[in-house]
Amino acid sequence: MQVIKLNGNHLTFKGRVHGSVGIEYRIEYDKTAFRMEYNYKYVHSEIERRMLCGADDSNVTYELTPLKRGIFVIFEVEGFRGQETSRKKHTIVVI
């Protein structure tokens, strides 16, 4: 568990997703407490993705901006083929 004190800034979480292989990454959080922006960037170029089988590997970024003050829990969840393999808990204190 990690405790993070946050004063108006945003949190950034980064992970890897490779859907064709089954590698998953997501964030679980209180949707009333944070606004989320999600971005992804493929590891391979568009040309490589067309030529290679299973070239959908991407790096994902979640940016959470606090909407209110309080103490909240955020989980980073990794999985493989629908099964959870890792869960990291972060306690966030928004002041």
PDB file of N, CA and C in Angstrom:
ATOM      1  N   MET A   1       0.846  -1.181   0.000  1.00  0.00           N
ATOM      2  CA  MET A   1       0.000   0.000   0.000  1.00  0.00           C
ATOM      3  C   MET A   1       0.891   1.243   0.000  1.00  0.00           C
ATOM      4  N   GLN A   2       0.446   2.253  -0.723  1.00  0.00           N
ATOM      5  CA  GLN A   2       1.159   3.508  -0.798  1.00  0.00           C
ATOM      6  C   GLN A   2       0.192   4.645  -0.476  1.00  0.00           C
ATOM      7  N   VAL A   3       0.629   5.581   0.357  1.00  0.00           N
ATOM      8  CA  VAL A   3      -0.185   6.757   0.676  1.00  0.00           C
ATOM      9  C   VAL A   3       0.398   7.941  -0.085  1.00  0.00           C
ATOM     10  N   ILE A   4      -0.459   8.626  -0.838  1.00  0.00           N
ATOM     11  CA  ILE A   4      -0.034   9.769  -1.637  1.00  0.00           C
ATOM     12  C   ILE A   4      -0.855  10.979  -1.205  1.00  0.00           C
ATOM     13  N   LYS A   5      -0.177  12.060  -0.846  1.00  0.00           N
ATOM     14  CA  LYS A   5      -0.873  13.313  -0.530  1.00  0.00           C
ATOM     15  C   LYS A   5      -0.886  14.151  -1.800  1.00  0.00           C
ATOM     16  N   LEU A   6      -2.065  14.633  -2.141  1.00  0.00           N
ATOM     17  CA  LEU A   6      -2.248  15.328  -3.404  1.00  0.00           C
ATOM     18  C   LEU A   6      -2.886  16.680  -3.146  1.00  0.00           C
ATOM     19  N   ASN A   7      -2.277  17.723  -3.668  1.00  0.00           N
ATOM     20  CA  ASN A   7      -2.793  19.071  -3.470  1.00  0.00           C
ATOM     21  C   ASN A   7      -3.029  19.716  -4.833  1.00  0.00           C
ATOM     22  N   GLY A   8      -4.141  19.372  -5.481  1.00  0.00           N
ATOM     23  CA  GLY A   8      -4.516  19.993  -6.745  1.00  0.00           C
ATOM     24  C   GLY A   8      -3.872  19.427  -7.986  1.00  0.00           C
ATOM     25  N   ASN A   9      -2.879  18.585  -7.863  1.00  0.00           N
ATOM     26  CA  ASN A   9      -2.227  17.998  -9.030  1.00  0.00           C
ATOM     27  C   ASN A   9      -2.976  16.762  -9.495  1.00  0.00           C
ATOM     28  N   HIS A  10      -2.518  16.172 -10.576  1.00  0.00           N
ATOM     29  CA  HIS A  10      -3.142  14.938 -11.041  1.00  0.00           C
ATOM     30  C   HIS A  10      -2.195  13.760 -10.829  1.00  0.00           C
ATOM     31  N   LEU A  11      -2.765  12.576 -10.860  1.00  0.00           N
ATOM     32  CA  LEU A  11      -2.014  11.336 -10.727  1.00  0.00           C
ATOM     33  C   LEU A  11      -1.886  10.692 -12.095  1.00  0.00           C
ATOM     34  N   THR A  12      -0.749  10.092 -12.361  1.00  0.00           N
ATOM     35  CA  THR A  12      -0.545   9.396 -13.619  1.00  0.00           C
ATOM     36  C   THR A  12      -0.166   7.951 -13.324  1.00  0.00           C
ATOM     37  N   PHE A  13      -0.879   7.036 -13.974  1.00  0.00           N
ATOM     38  CA  PHE A  13      -0.588   5.616 -13.879  1.00  0.00           C
ATOM     39  C   PHE A  13      -0.306   5.103 -15.281  1.00  0.00           C
ATOM     40  N   LYS A  14       0.720   4.275 -15.419  1.00  0.00           N
ATOM     41  CA  LYS A  14       1.091   3.741 -16.727  1.00  0.00           C
ATOM     42  C   LYS A  14       1.152   2.226 -16.665  1.00  0.00           C
ATOM     43  N   GLY A  15       0.696   1.603 -17.746  1.00  0.00           N
ATOM     44  CA  GLY A  15       0.714   0.154 -17.812  1.00  0.00           C
ATOM     45  C   GLY A  15       0.823  -0.319 -19.248  1.00  0.00           C
ATOM     46  N   ARG A  16       0.740  -1.617 -19.405  1.00  0.00           N
ATOM     47  CA  ARG A  16       0.870  -2.243 -20.724  1.00  0.00           C
ATOM     48  C   ARG A  16      -0.374  -3.066 -21.006  1.00  0.00           C
ATOM     49  N   VAL A  17      -0.861  -2.974 -22.236  1.00  0.00           N
ATOM     50  CA  VAL A  17      -1.997  -3.763 -22.692  1.00  0.00           C
ATOM     51  C   VAL A  17      -1.597  -4.431 -24.001  1.00  0.00           C
ATOM     52  N   HIS A  18      -1.853  -5.719 -24.088  1.00  0.00           N
ATOM     53  CA  HIS A  18      -1.587  -6.473 -25.322  1.00  0.00           C
ATOM     54  C   HIS A  18      -2.746  -7.444 -25.490  1.00  0.00           C
ATOM     55  N   GLY A  19      -3.834  -6.904 -26.061  1.00  0.00           N
ATOM     56  CA  GLY A  19      -5.093  -7.637 -26.131  1.00  0.00           C
ATOM     57  C   GLY A  19      -5.019  -8.976 -26.799  1.00  0.00           C
ATOM     58  N   SER A  20      -4.294  -9.094 -27.915  1.00  0.00           N
ATOM     59  CA  SER A  20      -4.249 -10.367 -28.636  1.00  0.00           C
ATOM     60  C   SER A  20      -3.531 -11.458 -27.848  1.00  0.00           C
ATOM     61  N   VAL A  21      -2.664 -11.060 -26.943  1.00  0.00           N
ATOM     62  CA  VAL A  21      -1.956 -12.011 -26.082  1.00  0.00           C
ATOM     63  C   VAL A  21      -2.736 -12.262 -24.797  1.00  0.00           C
ATOM     64  N   GLY A  22      -3.494 -11.251 -24.358  1.00  0.00           N
ATOM     65  CA  GLY A  22      -4.284 -11.375 -23.145  1.00  0.00           C
ATOM     66  C   GLY A  22      -3.770 -10.565 -21.979  1.00  0.00           C
ATOM     67  N   ILE A  23      -2.807  -9.677 -22.211  1.00  0.00           N
ATOM     68  CA  ILE A  23      -2.252  -8.844 -21.143  1.00  0.00           C
ATOM     69  C   ILE A  23      -3.174  -7.645 -20.932  1.00  0.00           C
ATOM     70  N   GLU A  24      -3.612  -7.440 -19.684  1.00  0.00           N
ATOM     71  CA  GLU A  24      -4.580  -6.403 -19.346  1.00  0.00           C
ATOM     72  C   GLU A  24      -4.023  -5.488 -18.254  1.00  0.00           C
ATOM     73  N   TYR A  25      -4.481  -4.233 -18.259  1.00  0.00           N
ATOM     74  CA  TYR A  25      -4.116  -3.273 -17.226  1.00  0.00           C
ATOM     75  C   TYR A  25      -5.264  -2.274 -17.113  1.00  0.00           C
ATOM     76  N   ARG A  26      -5.670  -1.999 -15.880  1.00  0.00           N
ATOM     77  CA  ARG A  26      -6.734  -1.014 -15.672  1.00  0.00           C
ATOM     78  C   ARG A  26      -6.583  -0.386 -14.289  1.00  0.00           C
ATOM     79  N   ILE A  27      -7.311   0.706 -14.103  1.00  0.00           N
ATOM     80  CA  ILE A  27      -7.339   1.420 -12.833  1.00  0.00           C
ATOM     81  C   ILE A  27      -8.760   1.349 -12.289  1.00  0.00           C
ATOM     82  N   GLU A  28      -8.906   1.057 -11.001  1.00  0.00           N
ATOM     83  CA  GLU A  28     -10.207   1.105 -10.327  1.00  0.00           C
ATOM     84  C   GLU A  28     -10.161   2.269  -9.341  1.00  0.00           C
ATOM     85  N   TYR A  29     -11.167   3.145  -9.422  1.00  0.00           N
ATOM     86  CA  TYR A  29     -11.154   4.366  -8.614  1.00  0.00           C
ATOM     87  C   TYR A  29     -12.590   4.853  -8.428  1.00  0.00           C
ATOM     88  N   ASP A  30     -12.770   5.771  -7.498  1.00  0.00           N
ATOM     89  CA  ASP A  30     -14.065   6.393  -7.240  1.00  0.00           C
ATOM     90  C   ASP A  30     -14.328   7.419  -8.337  1.00  0.00           C
ATOM     91  N   LYS A  31     -15.274   7.136  -9.200  1.00  0.00           N
ATOM     92  CA  LYS A  31     -15.557   7.998 -10.350  1.00  0.00           C
ATOM     93  C   LYS A  31     -16.179   9.334  -9.953  1.00  0.00           C
ATOM     94  N   THR A  32     -16.671   9.440  -8.712  1.00  0.00           N
ATOM     95  CA  THR A  32     -17.194  10.729  -8.247  1.00  0.00           C
ATOM     96  C   THR A  32     -16.078  11.615  -7.699  1.00  0.00           C
ATOM     97  N   ALA A  33     -14.910  11.024  -7.456  1.00  0.00           N
ATOM     98  CA  ALA A  33     -13.814  11.765  -6.841  1.00  0.00           C
ATOM     99  C   ALA A  33     -12.736  12.200  -7.833  1.00  0.00           C
ATOM    100  N   PHE A  34     -12.697  11.571  -9.010  1.00  0.00           N
ATOM    101  CA  PHE A  34     -11.651  11.866  -9.985  1.00  0.00           C
ATOM    102  C   PHE A  34     -12.220  11.933 -11.395  1.00  0.00           C
ATOM    103  N   ARG A  35     -11.641  12.812 -12.195  1.00  0.00           N
ATOM    104  CA  ARG A  35     -11.901  12.810 -13.634  1.00  0.00           C
ATOM    105  C   ARG A  35     -10.749  12.043 -14.272  1.00  0.00           C
ATOM    106  N   MET A  36     -11.064  11.127 -15.187  1.00  0.00           N
ATOM    107  CA  MET A  36     -10.045  10.276 -15.774  1.00  0.00           C
ATOM    108  C   MET A  36      -9.859  10.592 -17.246  1.00  0.00           C
ATOM    109  N   GLU A  37      -8.591  10.655 -17.668  1.00  0.00           N
ATOM    110  CA  GLU A  37      -8.233  10.739 -19.076  1.00  0.00           C
ATOM    111  C   GLU A  37      -7.401   9.508 -19.394  1.00  0.00           C
ATOM    112  N   TYR A  38      -7.752   8.847 -20.492  1.00  0.00           N
ATOM    113  CA  TYR A  38      -7.104   7.607 -20.889  1.00  0.00           C
ATOM    114  C   TYR A  38      -6.450   7.810 -22.249  1.00  0.00           C
ATOM    115  N   ASN A  39      -5.194   7.426 -22.356  1.00  0.00           N
ATOM    116  CA  ASN A  39      -4.478   7.498 -23.624  1.00  0.00           C
ATOM    117  C   ASN A  39      -3.708   6.207 -23.832  1.00  0.00           C
ATOM    118  N   TYR A  40      -3.512   5.865 -25.091  1.00  0.00           N
ATOM    119  CA  TYR A  40      -2.696   4.696 -25.395  1.00  0.00           C
ATOM    120  C   TYR A  40      -1.805   5.000 -26.587  1.00  0.00           C
ATOM    121  N   LYS A  41      -0.681   4.316 -26.650  1.00  0.00           N
ATOM    122  CA  LYS A  41       0.249   4.463 -27.760  1.00  0.00           C
ATOM    123  C   LYS A  41       0.744   3.076 -28.131  1.00  0.00           C
ATOM    124  N   TYR A  42       0.529   2.713 -29.378  1.00  0.00           N
ATOM    125  CA  TYR A  42       0.999   1.421 -29.855  1.00  0.00           C
ATOM    126  C   TYR A  42       2.524   1.363 -29.833  1.00  0.00           C
ATOM    127  N   VAL A  43       3.049   0.196 -29.523  1.00  0.00           N
ATOM    128  CA  VAL A  43       4.489  -0.017 -29.524  1.00  0.00           C
ATOM    129  C   VAL A  43       5.001  -0.042 -30.961  1.00  0.00           C
ATOM    130  N   HIS A  44       4.232  -0.637 -31.860  1.00  0.00           N
ATOM    131  CA  HIS A  44       4.625  -0.758 -33.266  1.00  0.00           C
ATOM    132  C   HIS A  44       3.937   0.311 -34.108  1.00  0.00           C
ATOM    133  N   SER A  45       4.582   0.692 -35.186  1.00  0.00           N
ATOM    134  CA  SER A  45       4.005   1.679 -36.097  1.00  0.00           C
ATOM    135  C   SER A  45       2.791   1.084 -36.811  1.00  0.00           C
ATOM    136  N   GLU A  46       2.013   1.944 -37.448  1.00  0.00           N
ATOM    137  CA  GLU A  46       0.821   1.477 -38.168  1.00  0.00           C
ATOM    138  C   GLU A  46       1.193   0.490 -39.275  1.00  0.00           C
ATOM    139  N   ILE A  47       2.268   0.736 -39.966  1.00  0.00           N
ATOM    140  CA  ILE A  47       2.715  -0.176 -41.035  1.00  0.00           C
ATOM    141  C   ILE A  47       3.098  -1.526 -40.447  1.00  0.00           C
ATOM    142  N   GLU A  48       3.846  -1.521 -39.342  1.00  0.00           N
ATOM    143  CA  GLU A  48       4.237  -2.777 -38.693  1.00  0.00           C
ATOM    144  C   GLU A  48       3.014  -3.543 -38.194  1.00  0.00           C
ATOM    145  N   ARG A  49       2.026  -2.805 -37.665  1.00  0.00           N
ATOM    146  CA  ARG A  49       0.818  -3.477 -37.152  1.00  0.00           C
ATOM    147  C   ARG A  49       0.059  -4.169 -38.274  1.00  0.00           C
ATOM    148  N   ARG A  50       0.075  -3.594 -39.470  1.00  0.00           N
ATOM    149  CA  ARG A  50      -0.611  -4.233 -40.606  1.00  0.00           C
ATOM    150  C   ARG A  50       0.116  -5.484 -41.070  1.00  0.00           C
ATOM    151  N   MET A  51       1.432  -5.499 -40.906  1.00  0.00           N
ATOM    152  CA  MET A  51       2.234  -6.613 -41.423  1.00  0.00           C
ATOM    153  C   MET A  51       2.444  -7.727 -40.398  1.00  0.00           C
ATOM    154  N   LEU A  52       2.395  -7.409 -39.125  1.00  0.00           N
ATOM    155  CA  LEU A  52       2.678  -8.382 -38.079  1.00  0.00           C
ATOM    156  C   LEU A  52       1.390  -8.893 -37.434  1.00  0.00           C
ATOM    157  N   CYS A  53       1.348 -10.160 -37.170  1.00  0.00           N
ATOM    158  CA  CYS A  53       0.217 -10.743 -36.441  1.00  0.00           C
ATOM    159  C   CYS A  53       0.423 -10.476 -34.943  1.00  0.00           C
ATOM    160  N   GLY A  54      -0.595  -9.983 -34.262  1.00  0.00           N
ATOM    161  CA  GLY A  54      -0.509  -9.741 -32.818  1.00  0.00           C
ATOM    162  C   GLY A  54       0.304  -8.525 -32.447  1.00  0.00           C
ATOM    163  N   ALA A  55       0.373  -7.530 -33.318  1.00  0.00           N
ATOM    164  CA  ALA A  55       1.182  -6.334 -33.063  1.00  0.00           C
ATOM    165  C   ALA A  55       0.359  -5.227 -32.407  1.00  0.00           C
ATOM    166  N   ASP A  56      -0.605  -5.593 -31.577  1.00  0.00           N
ATOM    167  CA  ASP A  56      -1.469  -4.600 -30.918  1.00  0.00           C
ATOM    168  C   ASP A  56      -0.964  -4.215 -29.532  1.00  0.00           C
ATOM    169  N   ASP A  57       0.274  -4.501 -29.227  1.00  0.00           N
ATOM    170  CA  ASP A  57       0.888  -4.158 -27.945  1.00  0.00           C
ATOM    171  C   ASP A  57       0.881  -2.637 -27.781  1.00  0.00           C
ATOM    172  N   SER A  58       0.422  -2.144 -26.627  1.00  0.00           N
ATOM    173  CA  SER A  58       0.375  -0.697 -26.417  1.00  0.00           C
ATOM    174  C   SER A  58       0.701  -0.343 -24.967  1.00  0.00           C
ATOM    175  N   ASN A  59       1.170   0.882 -24.798  1.00  0.00           N
ATOM    176  CA  ASN A  59       1.400   1.460 -23.483  1.00  0.00           C
ATOM    177  C   ASN A  59       0.230   2.390 -23.195  1.00  0.00           C
ATOM    178  N   VAL A  60      -0.378   2.234 -22.029  1.00  0.00           N
ATOM    179  CA  VAL A  60      -1.550   3.025 -21.685  1.00  0.00           C
ATOM    180  C   VAL A  60      -1.222   3.962 -20.525  1.00  0.00           C
ATOM    181  N   THR A  61      -1.897   5.104 -20.519  1.00  0.00           N
ATOM    182  CA  THR A  61      -1.714   6.098 -19.466  1.00  0.00           C
ATOM    183  C   THR A  61      -3.074   6.533 -18.959  1.00  0.00           C
ATOM    184  N   TYR A  62      -3.242   6.489 -17.648  1.00  0.00           N
ATOM    185  CA  TYR A  62      -4.431   7.013 -16.984  1.00  0.00           C
ATOM    186  C   TYR A  62      -4.006   8.255 -16.215  1.00  0.00           C
ATOM    187  N   GLU A  63      -4.669   9.368 -16.457  1.00  0.00           N
ATOM    188  CA  GLU A  63      -4.448  10.574 -15.661  1.00  0.00           C
ATOM    189  C   GLU A  63      -5.709  10.855 -14.873  1.00  0.00           C
ATOM    190  N   LEU A  64      -5.573  10.898 -13.552  1.00  0.00           N
ATOM    191  CA  LEU A  64      -6.706  11.152 -12.667  1.00  0.00           C
ATOM    192  C   LEU A  64      -6.546  12.532 -12.043  1.00  0.00           C
ATOM    193  N   THR A  65      -7.552  13.363 -12.239  1.00  0.00           N
ATOM    194  CA  THR A  65      -7.573  14.701 -11.667  1.00  0.00           C
ATOM    195  C   THR A  65      -8.637  14.729 -10.574  1.00  0.00           C
ATOM    196  N   PRO A  66      -8.268  15.129  -9.353  1.00  0.00           N
ATOM    197  CA  PRO A  66      -9.241  15.118  -8.261  1.00  0.00           C
ATOM    198  C   PRO A  66     -10.359  16.132  -8.468  1.00  0.00           C
ATOM    199  N   LEU A  67     -11.566  15.716  -8.093  1.00  0.00           N
ATOM    200  CA  LEU A  67     -12.742  16.573  -8.171  1.00  0.00           C
ATOM    201  C   LEU A  67     -13.195  17.066  -6.798  1.00  0.00           C
ATOM    202  N   LYS A  68     -12.716  16.392  -5.742  1.00  0.00           N
ATOM    203  CA  LYS A  68     -13.100  16.781  -4.385  1.00  0.00           C
ATOM    204  C   LYS A  68     -12.032  16.338  -3.402  1.00  0.00           C
ATOM    205  N   ARG A  69     -12.113  16.864  -2.192  1.00  0.00           N
ATOM    206  CA  ARG A  69     -11.169  16.510  -1.130  1.00  0.00           C
ATOM    207  C   ARG A  69     -11.614  15.248  -0.421  1.00  0.00           C
ATOM    208  N   GLY A  70     -10.647  14.558   0.185  1.00  0.00           N
ATOM    209  CA  GLY A  70     -10.972  13.376   0.956  1.00  0.00           C
ATOM    210  C   GLY A  70      -9.876  12.328   0.860  1.00  0.00           C
ATOM    211  N   ILE A  71     -10.184  11.158   1.384  1.00  0.00           N
ATOM    212  CA  ILE A  71      -9.273  10.020   1.345  1.00  0.00           C
ATOM    213  C   ILE A  71      -9.907   8.972   0.436  1.00  0.00           C
ATOM    214  N   PHE A  72      -9.153   8.540  -0.564  1.00  0.00           N
ATOM    215  CA  PHE A  72      -9.683   7.621  -1.570  1.00  0.00           C
ATOM    216  C   PHE A  72      -8.697   6.486  -1.813  1.00  0.00           C
ATOM    217  N   VAL A  73      -9.212   5.378  -2.292  1.00  0.00           N
ATOM    218  CA  VAL A  73      -8.383   4.224  -2.625  1.00  0.00           C
ATOM    219  C   VAL A  73      -8.436   4.015  -4.137  1.00  0.00           C
ATOM    220  N   ILE A  74      -7.260   3.822  -4.709  1.00  0.00           N
ATOM    221  CA  ILE A  74      -7.139   3.531  -6.137  1.00  0.00           C
ATOM    222  C   ILE A  74      -6.382   2.211  -6.264  1.00  0.00           C
ATOM    223  N   PHE A  75      -6.852   1.362  -7.166  1.00  0.00           N
ATOM    224  CA  PHE A  75      -6.190   0.086  -7.421  1.00  0.00           C
ATOM    225  C   PHE A  75      -5.646   0.068  -8.840  1.00  0.00           C
ATOM    226  N   GLU A  76      -4.395  -0.386  -8.985  1.00  0.00           N
ATOM    227  CA  GLU A  76      -3.828  -0.724 -10.289  1.00  0.00           C
ATOM    228  C   GLU A  76      -4.010  -2.230 -10.434  1.00  0.00           C
ATOM    229  N   VAL A  77      -4.687  -2.644 -11.487  1.00  0.00           N
ATOM    230  CA  VAL A  77      -5.001  -4.059 -11.660  1.00  0.00           C
ATOM    231  C   VAL A  77      -4.384  -4.553 -12.964  1.00  0.00           C
ATOM    232  N   GLU A  78      -3.586  -5.616 -12.856  1.00  0.00           N
ATOM    233  CA  GLU A  78      -3.019  -6.265 -14.030  1.00  0.00           C
ATOM    234  C   GLU A  78      -3.655  -7.637 -14.160  1.00  0.00           C
ATOM    235  N   GLY A  79      -3.814  -8.076 -15.393  1.00  0.00           N
ATOM    236  CA  GLY A  79      -4.424  -9.373 -15.618  1.00  0.00           C
ATOM    237  C   GLY A  79      -3.847 -10.064 -16.833  1.00  0.00           C
ATOM    238  N   PHE A  80      -4.183 -11.342 -16.936  1.00  0.00           N
ATOM    239  CA  PHE A  80      -3.769 -12.138 -18.087  1.00  0.00           C
ATOM    240  C   PHE A  80      -4.918 -13.061 -18.460  1.00  0.00           C
ATOM    241  N   ARG A  81      -5.424 -12.874 -19.652  1.00  0.00           N
ATOM    242  CA  ARG A  81      -6.520 -13.684 -20.198  1.00  0.00           C
ATOM    243  C   ARG A  81      -7.709 -13.774 -19.251  1.00  0.00           C
ATOM    244  N   GLY A  82      -8.124 -12.623 -18.750  1.00  0.00           N
ATOM    245  CA  GLY A  82      -9.312 -12.546 -17.912  1.00  0.00           C
ATOM    246  C   GLY A  82      -9.104 -12.871 -16.442  1.00  0.00           C
ATOM    247  N   GLN A  83      -7.891 -13.246 -16.056  1.00  0.00           N
ATOM    248  CA  GLN A  83      -7.599 -13.559 -14.656  1.00  0.00           C
ATOM    249  C   GLN A  83      -6.707 -12.465 -14.064  1.00  0.00           C
ATOM    250  N   GLU A  84      -7.097 -11.960 -12.918  1.00  0.00           N
ATOM    251  CA  GLU A  84      -6.301 -10.941 -12.244  1.00  0.00           C
ATOM    252  C   GLU A  84      -4.995 -11.550 -11.757  1.00  0.00           C
ATOM    253  N   THR A  85      -3.865 -10.898 -12.075  1.00  0.00           N
ATOM    254  CA  THR A  85      -2.555 -11.400 -11.660  1.00  0.00           C
ATOM    255  C   THR A  85      -1.887 -10.508 -10.620  1.00  0.00           C
ATOM    256  N   SER A  86      -2.302  -9.240 -10.550  1.00  0.00           N
ATOM    257  CA  SER A  86      -1.679  -8.308  -9.610  1.00  0.00           C
ATOM    258  C   SER A  86      -2.663  -7.192  -9.290  1.00  0.00           C
ATOM    259  N   ARG A  87      -2.654  -6.761  -8.036  1.00  0.00           N
ATOM    260  CA  ARG A  87      -3.505  -5.652  -7.605  1.00  0.00           C
ATOM    261  C   ARG A  87      -2.691  -4.817  -6.622  1.00  0.00           C
ATOM    262  N   LYS A  88      -2.422  -3.560  -6.995  1.00  0.00           N
ATOM    263  CA  LYS A  88      -1.684  -2.640  -6.128  1.00  0.00           C
ATOM    264  C   LYS A  88      -2.652  -1.602  -5.585  1.00  0.00           C
ATOM    265  N   LYS A  89      -2.614  -1.405  -4.278  1.00  0.00           N
ATOM    266  CA  LYS A  89      -3.507  -0.460  -3.611  1.00  0.00           C
ATOM    267  C   LYS A  89      -2.755   0.831  -3.304  1.00  0.00           C
ATOM    268  N   HIS A  90      -3.387   1.959  -3.626  1.00  0.00           N
ATOM    269  CA  HIS A  90      -2.833   3.281  -3.316  1.00  0.00           C
ATOM    270  C   HIS A  90      -3.898   4.058  -2.537  1.00  0.00           C
ATOM    271  N   THR A  91      -3.528   4.588  -1.396  1.00  0.00           N
ATOM    272  CA  THR A  91      -4.414   5.466  -0.649  1.00  0.00           C
ATOM    273  C   THR A  91      -4.031   6.889  -0.996  1.00  0.00           C
ATOM    274  N   ILE A  92      -5.019   7.643  -1.473  1.00  0.00           N
ATOM    275  CA  ILE A  92      -4.805   8.995  -1.936  1.00  0.00           C
ATOM    276  C   ILE A  92      -5.495   9.970  -0.975  1.00  0.00           C
ATOM    277  N   VAL A  93      -4.750  10.936  -0.483  1.00  0.00           N
ATOM    278  CA  VAL A  93      -5.302  11.975   0.378  1.00  0.00           C
ATOM    279  C   VAL A  93      -5.303  13.265  -0.430  1.00  0.00           C
ATOM    280  N   VAL A  94      -6.492  13.746  -0.778  1.00  0.00           N
ATOM    281  CA  VAL A  94      -6.636  14.983  -1.547  1.00  0.00           C
ATOM    282  C   VAL A  94      -6.917  16.105  -0.557  1.00  0.00           C
ATOM    283  N   ILE A  95      -6.028  17.099  -0.505  1.00  0.00           N
ATOM    284  CA  ILE A  95      -6.168  18.201   0.452  1.00  0.00           C
ATOM    285  C   ILE A  95      -6.483  19.507  -0.249  1.00  0.00           C
TER     286      ILE A  95
END
